Amino acid sequence: MPRKKTFVQALDRLEEISSAVEDTKTSLEDSLKLYKEAAELFVFCNKSLNAAEAEIALIRCVASGDAVKEPFHADEI
């Protein structure tokens, strides 16, 4: 079973992809494959950031005593 990637691992891979695409030795075909991978990583990172933002909002609501509409579920990302 593959290990789930982390936000930091995804960012590191995006940096690697950026360097590879900037390298003039990378073929157009490889650049396109890397671009596709980068797009998927971007979606993953965006979902991770949105989930973190939702969790922070939930923590603030709980801390301030406000009513919580629905609990945060980290497994939804």
N, C-alpha and C. Protein backbone atom coordinates (compact mmCIF):
# COMPACT_ATOMS: atom_id res chain seq x y z
N MET A 1 0.84 -1.18 0.00
CA MET A 1 0.00 0.00 0.00
C MET A 1 0.89 1.24 0.00
N PRO A 2 0.73 2.14 -0.99
CA PRO A 2 1.58 3.32 -1.06
C PRO A 2 1.31 4.28 0.10
N ARG A 3 2.38 4.90 0.56
CA ARG A 3 2.26 5.87 1.64
C ARG A 3 1.65 7.15 1.10
N LYS A 4 0.76 7.75 1.87
CA LYS A 4 0.11 9.00 1.47
C LYS A 4 1.13 10.14 1.49
N LYS A 5 1.14 10.94 0.45
CA LYS A 5 2.10 12.04 0.39
C LYS A 5 1.65 13.16 1.32
N THR A 6 2.62 13.92 1.77
CA THR A 6 2.34 15.05 2.64
C THR A 6 2.38 16.34 1.81
N PHE A 7 1.89 17.39 2.42
CA PHE A 7 1.92 18.70 1.78
C PHE A 7 3.36 19.10 1.46
N VAL A 8 4.25 18.89 2.40
CA VAL A 8 5.66 19.27 2.21
C VAL A 8 6.29 18.45 1.09
N GLN A 9 5.97 17.16 1.04
CA GLN A 9 6.50 16.32 -0.05
C GLN A 9 6.00 16.82 -1.40
N ALA A 10 4.74 17.21 -1.46
CA ALA A 10 4.18 17.72 -2.72
C ALA A 10 4.87 19.02 -3.12
N LEU A 11 5.11 19.91 -2.16
CA LEU A 11 5.81 21.16 -2.48
C LEU A 11 7.23 20.90 -2.96
N ASP A 12 7.91 19.96 -2.30
CA ASP A 12 9.27 19.60 -2.72
C ASP A 12 9.27 19.09 -4.16
N ARG A 13 8.30 18.25 -4.47
CA ARG A 13 8.22 17.70 -5.83
C ARG A 13 7.91 18.81 -6.83
N LEU A 14 7.06 19.76 -6.46
CA LEU A 14 6.77 20.88 -7.35
C LEU A 14 8.04 21.69 -7.64
N GLU A 15 8.89 21.85 -6.65
CA GLU A 15 10.16 22.55 -6.86
C GLU A 15 11.06 21.77 -7.82
N GLU A 16 11.09 20.44 -7.66
CA GLU A 16 11.88 19.60 -8.56
C GLU A 16 11.37 19.72 -9.99
N ILE A 17 10.06 19.70 -10.13
CA ILE A 17 9.44 19.80 -11.46
C ILE A 17 9.77 21.14 -12.08
N SER A 18 9.68 22.20 -11.30
CA SER A 18 9.98 23.54 -11.80
C SER A 18 11.40 23.61 -12.35
N SER A 19 12.34 23.05 -11.60
CA SER A 19 13.74 23.04 -12.05
C SER A 19 13.91 22.23 -13.33
N ALA A 20 13.25 21.09 -13.39
CA ALA A 20 13.37 20.23 -14.57
C ALA A 20 12.79 20.89 -15.80
N VAL A 21 11.67 21.57 -15.66
CA VAL A 21 11.03 22.22 -16.81
C VAL A 21 11.87 23.40 -17.29
N GLU A 22 12.53 24.07 -16.36
CA GLU A 22 13.39 25.19 -16.73
C GLU A 22 14.67 24.74 -17.41
N ASP A 23 15.06 23.50 -17.21
CA ASP A 23 16.27 22.96 -17.81
C ASP A 23 16.04 22.78 -19.32
N THR A 24 16.91 23.38 -20.09
CA THR A 24 16.76 23.30 -21.55
C THR A 24 16.98 21.90 -22.10
N LYS A 25 17.52 21.00 -21.29
CA LYS A 25 17.75 19.63 -21.74
C LYS A 25 16.50 18.75 -21.62
N THR A 26 15.47 19.25 -20.92
CA THR A 26 14.23 18.49 -20.76
C THR A 26 13.43 18.58 -22.05
N SER A 27 13.05 17.43 -22.59
CA SER A 27 12.30 17.41 -23.85
C SER A 27 10.90 17.97 -23.66
N LEU A 28 10.29 18.34 -24.76
CA LEU A 28 8.92 18.85 -24.73
C LEU A 28 7.98 17.81 -24.16
N GLU A 29 8.15 16.56 -24.58
CA GLU A 29 7.29 15.49 -24.10
C GLU A 29 7.41 15.31 -22.59
N ASP A 30 8.66 15.32 -22.10
CA ASP A 30 8.87 15.19 -20.66
C ASP A 30 8.32 16.41 -19.91
N SER A 31 8.48 17.58 -20.50
CA SER A 31 7.95 18.79 -19.89
C SER A 31 6.43 18.72 -19.75
N LEU A 32 5.77 18.18 -20.75
CA LEU A 32 4.31 18.04 -20.69
C LEU A 32 3.89 17.06 -19.60
N LYS A 33 4.63 15.96 -19.48
CA LYS A 33 4.34 14.99 -18.42
C LYS A 33 4.53 15.63 -17.05
N LEU A 34 5.60 16.39 -16.92
CA LEU A 34 5.88 17.07 -15.65
C LEU A 34 4.82 18.12 -15.35
N TYR A 35 4.37 18.81 -16.39
CA TYR A 35 3.33 19.83 -16.20
C TYR A 35 2.05 19.17 -15.69
N LYS A 36 1.70 18.01 -16.24
CA LYS A 36 0.51 17.29 -15.78
C LYS A 36 0.67 16.88 -14.32
N GLU A 37 1.83 16.36 -13.96
CA GLU A 37 2.08 15.98 -12.58
C GLU A 37 1.98 17.20 -11.66
N ALA A 38 2.54 18.32 -12.11
CA ALA A 38 2.50 19.55 -11.32
C ALA A 38 1.06 20.02 -11.10
N ALA A 39 0.23 19.90 -12.12
CA ALA A 39 -1.18 20.29 -11.99
C ALA A 39 -1.88 19.44 -10.93
N GLU A 40 -1.59 18.15 -10.92
CA GLU A 40 -2.18 17.25 -9.92
C GLU A 40 -1.68 17.59 -8.51
N LEU A 41 -0.40 17.90 -8.41
CA LEU A 41 0.16 18.29 -7.11
C LEU A 41 -0.44 19.61 -6.63
N PHE A 42 -0.67 20.53 -7.56
CA PHE A 42 -1.29 21.80 -7.20
C PHE A 42 -2.67 21.58 -6.61
N VAL A 43 -3.45 20.71 -7.22
CA VAL A 43 -4.79 20.40 -6.70
C VAL A 43 -4.68 19.82 -5.29
N PHE A 44 -3.76 18.88 -5.10
CA PHE A 44 -3.55 18.28 -3.78
C PHE A 44 -3.18 19.35 -2.76
N CYS A 45 -2.24 20.22 -3.11
CA CYS A 45 -1.80 21.27 -2.18
C CYS A 45 -2.94 22.23 -1.87
N ASN A 46 -3.70 22.59 -2.89
CA ASN A 46 -4.82 23.51 -2.69
C ASN A 46 -5.86 22.90 -1.74
N LYS A 47 -6.17 21.62 -1.93
CA LYS A 47 -7.12 20.95 -1.03
C LYS A 47 -6.56 20.89 0.39
N SER A 48 -5.28 20.64 0.52
CA SER A 48 -4.65 20.58 1.84
C SER A 48 -4.73 21.93 2.54
N LEU A 49 -4.45 23.00 1.81
CA LEU A 49 -4.53 24.33 2.39
C LEU A 49 -5.96 24.69 2.77
N ASN A 50 -6.92 24.34 1.93
CA ASN A 50 -8.32 24.60 2.24
C ASN A 50 -8.76 23.85 3.49
N ALA A 51 -8.31 22.60 3.63
CA ALA A 51 -8.65 21.81 4.81
C ALA A 51 -8.03 22.42 6.06
N ALA A 52 -6.80 22.88 5.96
CA ALA A 52 -6.14 23.50 7.11
C ALA A 52 -6.87 24.78 7.50
N GLU A 53 -7.28 25.55 6.52
CA GLU A 53 -8.03 26.78 6.78
C GLU A 53 -9.35 26.46 7.48
N ALA A 54 -10.03 25.41 7.04
CA ALA A 54 -11.30 25.01 7.66
C ALA A 54 -11.06 24.56 9.10
N GLU A 55 -9.98 23.85 9.34
CA GLU A 55 -9.68 23.39 10.69
C GLU A 55 -9.37 24.58 11.61
N ILE A 56 -8.64 25.55 11.10
CA ILE A 56 -8.34 26.75 11.88
C ILE A 56 -9.63 27.50 12.22
N ALA A 57 -10.53 27.62 11.25
CA ALA A 57 -11.80 28.29 11.49
C ALA A 57 -12.60 27.55 12.56
N LEU A 58 -12.58 26.21 12.51
CA LEU A 58 -13.28 25.40 13.51
C LEU A 58 -12.67 25.61 14.90
N ILE A 59 -11.36 25.62 14.97
CA ILE A 59 -10.68 25.83 16.26
C ILE A 59 -11.05 27.20 16.82
N ARG A 60 -11.09 28.21 15.97
CA ARG A 60 -11.47 29.55 16.42
C ARG A 60 -12.90 29.58 16.93
N CYS A 61 -13.81 28.90 16.24
CA CYS A 61 -15.20 28.85 16.68
C CYS A 61 -15.32 28.18 18.04
N VAL A 62 -14.65 27.08 18.20
CA VAL A 62 -14.71 26.34 19.46
C VAL A 62 -14.10 27.19 20.58
N ALA A 63 -12.98 27.83 20.29
CA ALA A 63 -12.29 28.64 21.30
C ALA A 63 -13.12 29.85 21.72
N SER A 64 -13.87 30.41 20.79
CA SER A 64 -14.67 31.59 21.11
C SER A 64 -16.04 31.24 21.66
N GLY A 65 -16.40 29.95 21.62
CA GLY A 65 -17.69 29.52 22.13
C GLY A 65 -18.82 29.64 21.12
N ASP A 66 -18.50 29.94 19.88
CA ASP A 66 -19.52 30.02 18.83
C ASP A 66 -20.05 28.63 18.49
N ALA A 67 -21.23 28.61 17.96
CA ALA A 67 -21.81 27.33 17.52
C ALA A 67 -21.05 26.82 16.32
N VAL A 68 -20.81 25.52 16.30
CA VAL A 68 -20.12 24.87 15.19
C VAL A 68 -21.16 24.19 14.33
N LYS A 69 -21.21 24.57 13.03
CA LYS A 69 -22.22 24.02 12.13
C LYS A 69 -21.94 22.56 11.79
N GLU A 70 -20.70 22.27 11.47
CA GLU A 70 -20.36 20.90 11.08
C GLU A 70 -18.90 20.65 11.39
N PRO A 71 -18.56 19.49 11.90
CA PRO A 71 -17.18 19.21 12.29
C PRO A 71 -16.26 19.06 11.08
N PHE A 72 -15.01 19.31 11.31
CA PHE A 72 -13.97 19.16 10.30
C PHE A 72 -13.56 17.70 10.23
N HIS A 73 -13.36 17.20 9.02
CA HIS A 73 -12.90 15.82 8.82
C HIS A 73 -11.64 15.84 7.97
N ALA A 74 -10.50 15.59 8.58
CA ALA A 74 -9.22 15.64 7.88
C ALA A 74 -9.12 14.60 6.77
N ASP A 75 -9.88 13.52 6.88
CA ASP A 75 -9.79 12.47 5.87
C ASP A 75 -10.49 12.82 4.57
N GLU A 76 -11.09 14.01 4.48
CA GLU A 76 -11.79 14.41 3.27
C GLU A 76 -10.85 14.97 2.22
N ILE A 77 -9.57 15.16 2.54
CA ILE A 77 -8.64 15.68 1.55
C ILE A 77 -7.98 14.57 0.80
